[in-house]
Amino acid sequence: MNEDKLKQILFALQEQNKELLTMVMHLQVSNNELKEQLNNDFYKVYEELYNQKEAGEVKDFLESKKFIVGELNDMTGKESAKAIERFNENYEFMEENLERIFG
């Protein structure tokens, strides 16, 4: 295998590694934003619970927060699925490059 071909493969591997790092960073930031939103929602729930309200009002408020938490969980699941799919694509590409290096 000639040196130029090896350089091309190694360059591609490096680019894939950079993309993976970027993806991990994006997921971490997204995860943290969702955690923050969830915490804010829980704070609002507790705040409303401790305010003097009628039982029906508290129940309605909690139901609306339950829906929001469900939506956040759904978004997190979709983002995770996309991240896993992209990770698998990158991992497969890296494996192919390794096979070309050693094959």
Protein backbone atom coordinates (compact mmCIF):
# COMPACT_ATOMS: atom_id res chain seq x y z
CA MET A 1 0.00 0.00 0.00
CA ASN A 2 1.54 3.33 -0.99
CA GLU A 3 2.09 6.26 1.34
CA ASP A 4 -0.44 8.54 -0.35
CA LYS A 5 -3.21 5.98 0.05
CA LEU A 6 -2.34 5.56 3.74
CA LYS A 7 -2.42 9.31 4.22
CA GLN A 8 -5.87 9.49 2.64
CA ILE A 9 -7.18 6.72 4.86
CA LEU A 10 -5.68 8.22 7.99
CA PHE A 11 -7.09 11.62 7.07
CA ALA A 12 -10.55 10.10 6.64
CA LEU A 13 -10.22 8.39 10.02
CA GLN A 14 -9.27 11.64 11.65
CA GLU A 15 -12.25 13.41 10.10
CA GLN A 16 -14.58 10.67 11.36
CA ASN A 17 -13.12 10.99 14.86
CA LYS A 18 -13.73 14.73 14.80
CA GLU A 19 -17.31 14.18 13.69
CA LEU A 20 -17.87 11.66 16.50
CA LEU A 21 -16.51 14.09 19.06
CA THR A 22 -18.78 16.82 17.72
CA MET A 23 -21.77 14.50 17.89
CA VAL A 24 -21.01 13.57 21.51
CA MET A 25 -20.68 17.22 22.41
CA HIS A 26 -24.00 18.02 20.72
CA LEU A 27 -25.73 15.20 22.56
CA GLN A 28 -24.32 16.32 25.88
CA VAL A 29 -25.45 19.89 25.32
CA SER A 30 -28.92 18.75 24.22
CA ASN A 31 -29.17 16.44 27.20
CA ASN A 32 -28.22 19.22 29.57
CA GLU A 33 -30.77 21.60 28.05
CA LEU A 34 -33.49 18.99 28.46
CA LYS A 35 -32.47 18.36 32.05
CA GLU A 36 -32.65 22.07 32.73
CA GLN A 37 -36.11 22.34 31.21
CA LEU A 38 -37.30 19.32 33.16
CA ASN A 39 -35.95 20.75 36.39
CA ASN A 40 -37.67 24.07 35.70
CA ASP A 41 -40.94 22.27 35.07
CA PHE A 42 -40.65 20.30 38.30
CA TYR A 43 -39.95 23.51 40.16
CA LYS A 44 -43.10 25.03 38.70
CA VAL A 45 -45.08 21.96 39.71
CA TYR A 46 -43.89 22.17 43.28
CA GLU A 47 -44.46 25.90 43.35
CA GLU A 48 -48.02 25.47 42.20
CA LEU A 49 -48.64 22.60 44.62
CA TYR A 50 -47.56 24.68 47.57
CA ASN A 51 -49.67 27.64 46.52
CA GLN A 52 -53.18 27.49 47.86
CA LYS A 53 -55.18 26.03 45.01
CA GLU A 54 -58.24 23.90 44.69
CA ALA A 55 -57.58 20.20 44.23
CA GLY A 56 -58.95 20.21 40.68
CA GLU A 57 -56.64 23.01 39.61
CA VAL A 58 -53.60 21.17 40.98
CA LYS A 59 -54.64 17.98 39.18
CA ASP A 60 -55.04 19.81 35.85
CA PHE A 61 -51.70 21.53 36.30
CA LEU A 62 -49.95 18.23 37.04
CA GLU A 63 -51.55 16.60 34.01
CA SER A 64 -50.21 19.37 31.77
CA LYS A 65 -46.72 18.92 33.24
CA LYS A 66 -46.96 15.16 32.74
CA PHE A 67 -47.64 15.80 29.05
CA ILE A 68 -44.63 18.14 28.78
CA VAL A 69 -42.35 15.59 30.44
CA GLY A 70 -43.63 12.97 27.98
CA GLU A 71 -42.82 15.28 25.08
CA LEU A 72 -39.32 15.91 26.44
CA ASN A 73 -38.75 12.18 26.81
CA ASP A 74 -39.96 11.60 23.25
CA MET A 75 -37.58 14.26 21.90
CA THR A 76 -34.72 12.74 23.87
CA GLY A 77 -35.51 9.30 22.49
CA LYS A 78 -35.59 10.55 18.90
CA GLU A 79 -32.33 12.45 19.34
CA SER A 80 -30.71 9.38 20.85
CA ALA A 81 -31.93 7.18 17.99
CA LYS A 82 -30.49 9.60 15.41
CA ALA A 83 -27.22 9.76 17.33
CA ILE A 84 -26.95 5.97 17.49
CA GLU A 85 -27.69 5.68 13.76
CA ARG A 86 -25.04 8.26 12.88
CA PHE A 87 -22.56 6.67 15.29
CA ASN A 88 -23.09 3.27 13.66
CA GLU A 89 -22.52 4.77 10.20
CA ASN A 90 -19.29 6.41 11.33
CA TYR A 91 -18.13 3.29 13.14
CA GLU A 92 -18.74 1.15 10.04
CA PHE A 93 -16.82 3.64 7.89
CA MET A 94 -13.90 3.56 10.34
CA GLU A 95 -13.92 -0.26 10.32
CA GLU A 96 -13.82 -0.25 6.51
CA ASN A 97 -10.83 2.09 6.61
CA LEU A 98 -9.07 -0.16 9.08
CA GLU A 99 -9.69 -3.15 6.82
CA ARG A 100 -8.20 -1.20 3.92
CA ILE A 101 -5.15 -0.34 6.01
CA PHE A 102 -4.55 -3.90 7.15
CA GLY A 103 -6.04 -5.72 4.16
